Amino acid sequence: MASVLNKIQQFANSPKGKQMIRQLSERAQQMSRDPRTRAKIEDVRRRFQSGRAGSRPTGTTGTGTTGTTDTPGTGTTGAGTGTGTGTTY
């Protein structure tokens, strides 16, 4: 693992690596000035800080069939019996 990190460090310190880093930095600065990109970043930041990162969109209850709601207190999804798959959302 250390050899991979050493190779990355060597590349980053090489002239070609420095050029790539400079280009990526300029591109990131351009993108950060775009209002659409700023809105996306703000949305992700807001969701992450509220603890919803990676969760399903609000209002989604599954496939629409009965018995697919979260079982209270178990943290699993199942048919309401508490014997779900162990997947938490």
PDB file of N, CA and C in Angstrom:
ATOM      1  N   MET A   1       0.823  -1.185   0.000  1.00  0.00           N
ATOM      2  CA  MET A   1       0.000   0.000   0.000  1.00  0.00           C
ATOM      3  C   MET A   1       0.868   1.250   0.000  1.00  0.00           C
ATOM      4  N   ALA A   2       1.963   1.208   0.737  1.00  0.00           N
ATOM      5  CA  ALA A   2       2.844   2.364   0.807  1.00  0.00           C
ATOM      6  C   ALA A   2       3.448   2.672  -0.555  1.00  0.00           C
ATOM      7  N   SER A   3       3.724   1.638  -1.346  1.00  0.00           N
ATOM      8  CA  SER A   3       4.318   1.876  -2.659  1.00  0.00           C
ATOM      9  C   SER A   3       3.341   2.617  -3.576  1.00  0.00           C
ATOM     10  N   VAL A   4       2.060   2.348  -3.450  1.00  0.00           N
ATOM     11  CA  VAL A   4       1.062   3.054  -4.258  1.00  0.00           C
ATOM     12  C   VAL A   4       1.049   4.534  -3.873  1.00  0.00           C
ATOM     13  N   LEU A   5       1.055   4.794  -2.579  1.00  0.00           N
ATOM     14  CA  LEU A   5       1.062   6.174  -2.115  1.00  0.00           C
ATOM     15  C   LEU A   5       2.346   6.887  -2.519  1.00  0.00           C
ATOM     16  N   ASN A   6       3.471   6.175  -2.493  1.00  0.00           N
ATOM     17  CA  ASN A   6       4.738   6.769  -2.933  1.00  0.00           C
ATOM     18  C   ASN A   6       4.679   7.135  -4.407  1.00  0.00           C
ATOM     19  N   LYS A   7       4.093   6.284  -5.217  1.00  0.00           N
ATOM     20  CA  LYS A   7       3.984   6.564  -6.644  1.00  0.00           C
ATOM     21  C   LYS A   7       3.075   7.762  -6.900  1.00  0.00           C
ATOM     22  N   ILE A   8       2.003   7.858  -6.148  1.00  0.00           N
ATOM     23  CA  ILE A   8       1.109   9.016  -6.278  1.00  0.00           C
ATOM     24  C   ILE A   8       1.857  10.289  -5.894  1.00  0.00           C
ATOM     25  N   GLN A   9       2.601  10.229  -4.810  1.00  0.00           N
ATOM     26  CA  GLN A   9       3.368  11.387  -4.357  1.00  0.00           C
ATOM     27  C   GLN A   9       4.421  11.782  -5.394  1.00  0.00           C
ATOM     28  N   GLN A  10       5.105  10.809  -5.958  1.00  0.00           N
ATOM     29  CA  GLN A  10       6.108  11.098  -6.980  1.00  0.00           C
ATOM     30  C   GLN A  10       5.459  11.754  -8.199  1.00  0.00           C
ATOM     31  N   PHE A  11       4.324  11.239  -8.613  1.00  0.00           N
ATOM     32  CA  PHE A  11       3.624  11.824  -9.759  1.00  0.00           C
ATOM     33  C   PHE A  11       3.184  13.253  -9.446  1.00  0.00           C
ATOM     34  N   ALA A  12       2.641  13.474  -8.261  1.00  0.00           N
ATOM     35  CA  ALA A  12       2.178  14.809  -7.880  1.00  0.00           C
ATOM     36  C   ALA A  12       3.331  15.810  -7.858  1.00  0.00           C
ATOM     37  N   ASN A  13       4.525  15.360  -7.557  1.00  0.00           N
ATOM     38  CA  ASN A  13       5.684  16.249  -7.514  1.00  0.00           C
ATOM     39  C   ASN A  13       6.385  16.397  -8.860  1.00  0.00           C
ATOM     40  N   SER A  14       5.998  15.596  -9.848  1.00  0.00           N
ATOM     41  CA  SER A  14       6.620  15.691 -11.165  1.00  0.00           C
ATOM     42  C   SER A  14       6.021  16.881 -11.927  1.00  0.00           C
ATOM     43  N   PRO A  15       6.716  17.380 -12.957  1.00  0.00           N
ATOM     44  CA  PRO A  15       6.180  18.502 -13.740  1.00  0.00           C
ATOM     45  C   PRO A  15       4.803  18.194 -14.352  1.00  0.00           C
ATOM     46  N   LYS A  16       4.638  16.976 -14.864  1.00  0.00           N
ATOM     47  CA  LYS A  16       3.357  16.600 -15.454  1.00  0.00           C
ATOM     48  C   LYS A  16       2.267  16.535 -14.379  1.00  0.00           C
ATOM     49  N   GLY A  17       2.588  16.021 -13.213  1.00  0.00           N
ATOM     50  CA  GLY A  17       1.632  15.952 -12.118  1.00  0.00           C
ATOM     51  C   GLY A  17       1.227  17.340 -11.641  1.00  0.00           C
ATOM     52  N   LYS A  18       2.210  18.241 -11.523  1.00  0.00           N
ATOM     53  CA  LYS A  18       1.910  19.617 -11.116  1.00  0.00           C
ATOM     54  C   LYS A  18       1.018  20.308 -12.133  1.00  0.00           C
ATOM     55  N   GLN A  19       1.269  20.050 -13.418  1.00  0.00           N
ATOM     56  CA  GLN A  19       0.429  20.632 -14.471  1.00  0.00           C
ATOM     57  C   GLN A  19      -1.000  20.106 -14.348  1.00  0.00           C
ATOM     58  N   MET A  20      -1.154  18.804 -14.119  1.00  0.00           N
ATOM     59  CA  MET A  20      -2.483  18.213 -13.987  1.00  0.00           C
ATOM     60  C   MET A  20      -3.216  18.790 -12.772  1.00  0.00           C
ATOM     61  N   ILE A  21      -2.512  18.917 -11.664  1.00  0.00           N
ATOM     62  CA  ILE A  21      -3.121  19.466 -10.452  1.00  0.00           C
ATOM     63  C   ILE A  21      -3.574  20.905 -10.699  1.00  0.00           C
ATOM     64  N   ARG A  22      -2.744  21.688 -11.391  1.00  0.00           N
ATOM     65  CA  ARG A  22      -3.085  23.076 -11.700  1.00  0.00           C
ATOM     66  C   ARG A  22      -4.336  23.134 -12.591  1.00  0.00           C
ATOM     67  N   GLN A  23      -4.406  22.265 -13.606  1.00  0.00           N
ATOM     68  CA  GLN A  23      -5.565  22.238 -14.499  1.00  0.00           C
ATOM     69  C   GLN A  23      -6.829  21.840 -13.742  1.00  0.00           C
ATOM     70  N   LEU A  24      -6.730  20.835 -12.886  1.00  0.00           N
ATOM     71  CA  LEU A  24      -7.892  20.404 -12.109  1.00  0.00           C
ATOM     72  C   LEU A  24      -8.346  21.489 -11.141  1.00  0.00           C
ATOM     73  N   SER A  25      -7.397  22.191 -10.572  1.00  0.00           N
ATOM     74  CA  SER A  25      -7.727  23.280  -9.654  1.00  0.00           C
ATOM     75  C   SER A  25      -8.471  24.398 -10.390  1.00  0.00           C
ATOM     76  N   GLU A  26      -7.980  24.756 -11.575  1.00  0.00           N
ATOM     77  CA  GLU A  26      -8.645  25.794 -12.372  1.00  0.00           C
ATOM     78  C   GLU A  26     -10.054  25.360 -12.756  1.00  0.00           C
ATOM     79  N   ARG A  27     -10.205  24.115 -13.156  1.00  0.00           N
ATOM     80  CA  ARG A  27     -11.527  23.599 -13.537  1.00  0.00           C
ATOM     81  C   ARG A  27     -12.482  23.598 -12.336  1.00  0.00           C
ATOM     82  N   ALA A  28     -11.985  23.216 -11.168  1.00  0.00           N
ATOM     83  CA  ALA A  28     -12.822  23.214  -9.974  1.00  0.00           C
ATOM     84  C   ALA A  28     -13.265  24.633  -9.629  1.00  0.00           C
ATOM     85  N   GLN A  29     -12.371  25.599  -9.793  1.00  0.00           N
ATOM     86  CA  GLN A  29     -12.737  26.982  -9.520  1.00  0.00           C
ATOM     87  C   GLN A  29     -13.784  27.483 -10.508  1.00  0.00           C
ATOM     88  N   GLN A  30     -13.661  27.101 -11.779  1.00  0.00           N
ATOM     89  CA  GLN A  30     -14.667  27.470 -12.780  1.00  0.00           C
ATOM     90  C   GLN A  30     -16.025  26.878 -12.409  1.00  0.00           C
ATOM     91  N   MET A  31     -16.020  25.608 -12.066  1.00  0.00           N
ATOM     92  CA  MET A  31     -17.278  24.935 -11.737  1.00  0.00           C
ATOM     93  C   MET A  31     -17.909  25.531 -10.485  1.00  0.00           C
ATOM     94  N   SER A  32     -17.080  25.967  -9.538  1.00  0.00           N
ATOM     95  CA  SER A  32     -17.634  26.521  -8.298  1.00  0.00           C
ATOM     96  C   SER A  32     -18.305  27.869  -8.539  1.00  0.00           C
ATOM     97  N   ARG A  33     -17.969  28.529  -9.627  1.00  0.00           N
ATOM     98  CA  ARG A  33     -18.607  29.810  -9.943  1.00  0.00           C
ATOM     99  C   ARG A  33     -19.934  29.625 -10.673  1.00  0.00           C
ATOM    100  N   ASP A  34     -20.211  28.434 -11.177  1.00  0.00           N
ATOM    101  CA  ASP A  34     -21.455  28.153 -11.895  1.00  0.00           C
ATOM    102  C   ASP A  34     -22.608  28.033 -10.895  1.00  0.00           C
ATOM    103  N   PRO A  35     -23.684  28.821 -11.062  1.00  0.00           N
ATOM    104  CA  PRO A  35     -24.806  28.776 -10.113  1.00  0.00           C
ATOM    105  C   PRO A  35     -25.448  27.393  -9.986  1.00  0.00           C
ATOM    106  N   ARG A  36     -25.530  26.641 -11.078  1.00  0.00           N
ATOM    107  CA  ARG A  36     -26.134  25.294 -11.006  1.00  0.00           C
ATOM    108  C   ARG A  36     -25.278  24.364 -10.155  1.00  0.00           C
ATOM    109  N   THR A  37     -23.956  24.436 -10.345  1.00  0.00           N
ATOM    110  CA  THR A  37     -23.059  23.599  -9.557  1.00  0.00           C
ATOM    111  C   THR A  37     -23.122  23.993  -8.088  1.00  0.00           C
ATOM    112  N   ARG A  38     -23.163  25.295  -7.821  1.00  0.00           N
ATOM    113  CA  ARG A  38     -23.256  25.763  -6.435  1.00  0.00           C
ATOM    114  C   ARG A  38     -24.537  25.260  -5.781  1.00  0.00           C
ATOM    115  N   ALA A  39     -25.644  25.252  -6.545  1.00  0.00           N
ATOM    116  CA  ALA A  39     -26.913  24.766  -6.001  1.00  0.00           C
ATOM    117  C   ALA A  39     -26.828  23.276  -5.682  1.00  0.00           C
ATOM    118  N   LYS A  40     -26.185  22.490  -6.558  1.00  0.00           N
ATOM    119  CA  LYS A  40     -26.032  21.057  -6.311  1.00  0.00           C
ATOM    120  C   LYS A  40     -25.183  20.814  -5.057  1.00  0.00           C
ATOM    121  N   ILE A  41     -24.092  21.557  -4.955  1.00  0.00           N
ATOM    122  CA  ILE A  41     -23.213  21.406  -3.790  1.00  0.00           C
ATOM    123  C   ILE A  41     -23.963  21.765  -2.517  1.00  0.00           C
ATOM    124  N   GLU A  42     -24.719  22.855  -2.560  1.00  0.00           N
ATOM    125  CA  GLU A  42     -25.474  23.284  -1.380  1.00  0.00           C
ATOM    126  C   GLU A  42     -26.515  22.230  -0.989  1.00  0.00           C
ATOM    127  N   ASP A  43     -27.163  21.618  -1.981  1.00  0.00           N
ATOM    128  CA  ASP A  43     -28.158  20.582  -1.701  1.00  0.00           C
ATOM    129  C   ASP A  43     -27.512  19.364  -1.031  1.00  0.00           C
ATOM    130  N   VAL A  44     -26.393  18.920  -1.571  1.00  0.00           N
ATOM    131  CA  VAL A  44     -25.695  17.764  -0.984  1.00  0.00           C
ATOM    132  C   VAL A  44     -25.222  18.100   0.426  1.00  0.00           C
ATOM    133  N   ARG A  45     -24.666  19.303   0.617  1.00  0.00           N
ATOM    134  CA  ARG A  45     -24.201  19.711   1.943  1.00  0.00           C
ATOM    135  C   ARG A  45     -25.354  19.741   2.943  1.00  0.00           C
ATOM    136  N   ARG A  46     -26.501  20.277   2.522  1.00  0.00           N
ATOM    137  CA  ARG A  46     -27.663  20.360   3.407  1.00  0.00           C
ATOM    138  C   ARG A  46     -28.154  18.958   3.784  1.00  0.00           C
ATOM    139  N   ARG A  47     -28.225  18.058   2.799  1.00  0.00           N
ATOM    140  CA  ARG A  47     -28.673  16.683   3.091  1.00  0.00           C
ATOM    141  C   ARG A  47     -27.690  15.958   3.991  1.00  0.00           C
ATOM    142  N   PHE A  48     -26.413  16.151   3.750  1.00  0.00           N
ATOM    143  CA  PHE A  48     -25.390  15.484   4.560  1.00  0.00           C
ATOM    144  C   PHE A  48     -25.455  15.967   6.003  1.00  0.00           C
ATOM    145  N   GLN A  49     -25.590  17.261   6.188  1.00  0.00           N
ATOM    146  CA  GLN A  49     -25.621  17.806   7.543  1.00  0.00           C
ATOM    147  C   GLN A  49     -26.893  17.439   8.290  1.00  0.00           C
ATOM    148  N   SER A  50     -27.976  17.186   7.562  1.00  0.00           N
ATOM    149  CA  SER A  50     -29.217  16.810   8.237  1.00  0.00           C
ATOM    150  C   SER A  50     -29.284  15.304   8.486  1.00  0.00           C
ATOM    151  N   GLY A  51     -28.279  14.553   8.041  1.00  0.00           N
ATOM    152  CA  GLY A  51     -28.224  13.118   8.289  1.00  0.00           C
ATOM    153  C   GLY A  51     -28.987  12.296   7.272  1.00  0.00           C
ATOM    154  N   ARG A  52     -29.352  12.882   6.133  1.00  0.00           N
ATOM    155  CA  ARG A  52     -30.114  12.149   5.128  1.00  0.00           C
ATOM    156  C   ARG A  52     -29.256  11.706   3.963  1.00  0.00           C
ATOM    157  N   ALA A  53     -27.978  11.858   4.006  1.00  0.00           N
ATOM    158  CA  ALA A  53     -27.117  11.503   2.883  1.00  0.00           C
ATOM    159  C   ALA A  53     -27.281  10.034   2.545  1.00  0.00           C
ATOM    160  N   GLY A  54     -27.551   9.741   1.290  1.00  0.00           N
ATOM    161  CA  GLY A  54     -27.674   8.370   0.840  1.00  0.00           C
ATOM    162  C   GLY A  54     -29.024   7.739   1.111  1.00  0.00           C
ATOM    163  N   SER A  55     -29.941   8.484   1.696  1.00  0.00           N
ATOM    164  CA  SER A  55     -31.244   7.903   1.985  1.00  0.00           C
ATOM    165  C   SER A  55     -32.163   8.057   0.791  1.00  0.00           C
ATOM    166  N   ARG A  56     -33.276   7.358   0.851  1.00  0.00           N
ATOM    167  CA  ARG A  56     -34.252   7.445  -0.215  1.00  0.00           C
ATOM    168  C   ARG A  56     -34.909   8.814  -0.176  1.00  0.00           C
ATOM    169  N   PRO A  57     -35.438   9.291  -1.315  1.00  0.00           N
ATOM    170  CA  PRO A  57     -36.119  10.581  -1.325  1.00  0.00           C
ATOM    171  C   PRO A  57     -37.328  10.576  -0.397  1.00  0.00           C
ATOM    172  N   THR A  58     -37.668  11.735   0.133  1.00  0.00           N
ATOM    173  CA  THR A  58     -38.802  11.871   1.035  1.00  0.00           C
ATOM    174  C   THR A  58     -40.076  11.464   0.314  1.00  0.00           C
ATOM    175  N   GLY A  59     -40.930  10.727   0.994  1.00  0.00           N
ATOM    176  CA  GLY A  59     -42.201  10.308   0.415  1.00  0.00           C
ATOM    177  C   GLY A  59     -42.156   8.950  -0.238  1.00  0.00           C
ATOM    178  N   THR A  60     -41.007   8.347  -0.358  1.00  0.00           N
ATOM    179  CA  THR A  60     -40.895   7.033  -0.976  1.00  0.00           C
ATOM    180  C   THR A  60     -41.150   5.976   0.092  1.00  0.00           C
ATOM    181  N   THR A  61     -42.100   5.090  -0.176  1.00  0.00           N
ATOM    182  CA  THR A  61     -42.440   4.066   0.811  1.00  0.00           C
ATOM    183  C   THR A  61     -42.140   2.671   0.311  1.00  0.00           C
ATOM    184  N   GLY A  62     -41.394   2.543  -0.743  1.00  0.00           N
ATOM    185  CA  GLY A  62     -41.074   1.211  -1.242  1.00  0.00           C
ATOM    186  C   GLY A  62     -41.684   0.998  -2.608  1.00  0.00           C
ATOM    187  N   THR A  63     -42.186  -0.215  -2.855  1.00  0.00           N
ATOM    188  CA  THR A  63     -42.694  -0.569  -4.164  1.00  0.00           C
ATOM    189  C   THR A  63     -44.164  -0.233  -4.333  1.00  0.00           C
ATOM    190  N   GLY A  64     -44.804   0.231  -3.286  1.00  0.00           N
ATOM    191  CA  GLY A  64     -46.216   0.558  -3.376  1.00  0.00           C
ATOM    192  C   GLY A  64     -47.102  -0.580  -2.932  1.00  0.00           C
ATOM    193  N   THR A  65     -46.528  -1.724  -2.562  1.00  0.00           N
ATOM    194  CA  THR A  65     -47.333  -2.836  -2.094  1.00  0.00           C
ATOM    195  C   THR A  65     -47.488  -2.737  -0.591  1.00  0.00           C
ATOM    196  N   THR A  66     -48.471  -3.411  -0.060  1.00  0.00           N
ATOM    197  CA  THR A  66     -48.694  -3.350   1.374  1.00  0.00           C
ATOM    198  C   THR A  66     -47.661  -4.183   2.107  1.00  0.00           C
ATOM    199  N   GLY A  67     -47.329  -3.778   3.337  1.00  0.00           N
ATOM    200  CA  GLY A  67     -46.421  -4.558   4.169  1.00  0.00           C
ATOM    201  C   GLY A  67     -44.963  -4.288   3.911  1.00  0.00           C
ATOM    202  N   THR A  68     -44.610  -3.182   3.251  1.00  0.00           N
ATOM    203  CA  THR A  68     -43.207  -2.905   2.986  1.00  0.00           C
ATOM    204  C   THR A  68     -42.709  -1.693   3.748  1.00  0.00           C
ATOM    205  N   THR A  69     -43.355  -1.337   4.815  1.00  0.00           N
ATOM    206  CA  THR A  69     -42.918  -0.181   5.581  1.00  0.00           C
ATOM    207  C   THR A  69     -41.883  -0.594   6.615  1.00  0.00           C
ATOM    208  N   ASP A  70     -41.145   0.389   7.109  1.00  0.00           N
ATOM    209  CA  ASP A  70     -40.157   0.104   8.148  1.00  0.00           C
ATOM    210  C   ASP A  70     -40.864  -0.314   9.428  1.00  0.00           C
ATOM    211  N   THR A  71     -40.326  -1.326  10.079  1.00  0.00           N
ATOM    212  CA  THR A  71     -40.873  -1.788  11.336  1.00  0.00           C
ATOM    213  C   THR A  71     -40.342  -0.891  12.442  1.00  0.00           C
ATOM    214  N   PRO A  72     -41.209  -0.226  13.198  1.00  0.00           N
ATOM    215  CA  PRO A  72     -40.731   0.693  14.225  1.00  0.00           C
ATOM    216  C   PRO A  72     -39.856  -0.010  15.255  1.00  0.00           C
ATOM    217  N   GLY A  73     -38.748   0.624  15.566  1.00  0.00           N
ATOM    218  CA  GLY A  73     -37.883   0.129  16.622  1.00  0.00           C
ATOM    219  C   GLY A  73     -36.907  -0.952  16.210  1.00  0.00           C
ATOM    220  N   THR A  74     -37.023  -1.499  14.997  1.00  0.00           N
ATOM    221  CA  THR A  74     -36.120  -2.579  14.613  1.00  0.00           C
ATOM    222  C   THR A  74     -35.022  -2.112  13.676  1.00  0.00           C
ATOM    223  N   GLY A  75     -35.271  -1.036  12.930  1.00  0.00           N
ATOM    224  CA  GLY A  75     -34.278  -0.559  11.976  1.00  0.00           C
ATOM    225  C   GLY A  75     -34.175  -1.439  10.754  1.00  0.00           C
ATOM    226  N   THR A  76     -35.130  -2.333  10.546  1.00  0.00           N
ATOM    227  CA  THR A  76     -35.102  -3.208   9.384  1.00  0.00           C
ATOM    228  C   THR A  76     -36.346  -2.971   8.552  1.00  0.00           C
ATOM    229  N   THR A  77     -36.275  -3.386   7.307  1.00  0.00           N
ATOM    230  CA  THR A  77     -37.426  -3.300   6.423  1.00  0.00           C
ATOM    231  C   THR A  77     -37.975  -4.712   6.267  1.00  0.00           C
ATOM    232  N   GLY A  78     -39.251  -4.872   6.496  1.00  0.00           N
ATOM    233  CA  GLY A  78     -39.841  -6.195   6.382  1.00  0.00           C
ATOM    234  C   GLY A  78     -41.340  -6.095   6.262  1.00  0.00           C
ATOM    235  N   ALA A  79     -42.030  -7.149   6.548  1.00  0.00           N
ATOM    236  CA  ALA A  79     -43.484  -7.202   6.422  1.00  0.00           C
ATOM    237  C   ALA A  79     -44.139  -6.817   7.740  1.00  0.00           C
ATOM    238  N   GLY A  80     -43.473  -6.050   8.554  1.00  0.00           N
ATOM    239  CA  GLY A  80     -44.058  -5.634   9.813  1.00  0.00           C
ATOM    240  C   GLY A  80     -43.866  -6.635  10.922  1.00  0.00           C
ATOM    241  N   THR A  81     -43.052  -7.649  10.714  1.00  0.00           N
ATOM    242  CA  THR A  81     -42.863  -8.681  11.730  1.00  0.00           C
ATOM    243  C   THR A  81     -41.548  -8.512  12.475  1.00  0.00           C
ATOM    244  N   GLY A  82     -40.684  -7.605  11.981  1.00  0.00           N
ATOM    245  CA  GLY A  82     -39.384  -7.427  12.622  1.00  0.00           C
ATOM    246  C   GLY A  82     -38.378  -8.468  12.173  1.00  0.00           C
ATOM    247  N   THR A  83     -38.691  -9.237  11.138  1.00  0.00           N
ATOM    248  CA  THR A  83     -37.772 -10.264  10.638  1.00  0.00           C
ATOM    249  C   THR A  83     -37.289  -9.906   9.257  1.00  0.00           C
ATOM    250  N   GLY A  84     -37.002  -8.626   9.030  1.00  0.00           N
ATOM    251  CA  GLY A  84     -36.585  -8.148   7.715  1.00  0.00           C
ATOM    252  C   GLY A  84     -35.212  -8.640   7.339  1.00  0.00           C
ATOM    253  N   THR A  85     -34.688  -8.047   6.306  1.00  0.00           N
ATOM    254  CA  THR A  85     -33.411  -8.475   5.764  1.00  0.00           C
ATOM    255  C   THR A  85     -32.225  -7.921   6.529  1.00  0.00           C
ATOM    256  N   GLY A  86     -32.472  -7.033   7.476  1.00  0.00           N
ATOM    257  CA  GLY A  86     -31.387  -6.432   8.225  1.00  0.00           C
ATOM    258  C   GLY A  86     -30.877  -5.167   7.579  1.00  0.00           C
ATOM    259  N   THR A  87     -31.425  -4.775   6.441  1.00  0.00           N
ATOM    260  CA  THR A  87     -31.010  -3.569   5.766  1.00  0.00           C
ATOM    261  C   THR A  87     -31.624  -2.369   6.455  1.00  0.00           C
ATOM    262  N   THR A  88     -30.795  -1.403   6.788  1.00  0.00           N
ATOM    263  CA  THR A  88     -31.320  -0.194   7.415  1.00  0.00           C
ATOM    264  C   THR A  88     -31.280   0.947   6.433  1.00  0.00           C
ATOM    265  N   TYR A  89     -32.165   1.865   6.593  1.00  0.00           N
ATOM    266  CA  TYR A  89     -32.221   3.037   5.714  1.00  0.00           C
ATOM    267  C   TYR A  89     -32.101   4.282   6.511  1.00  0.00           C
TER     268      TYR A  89
END
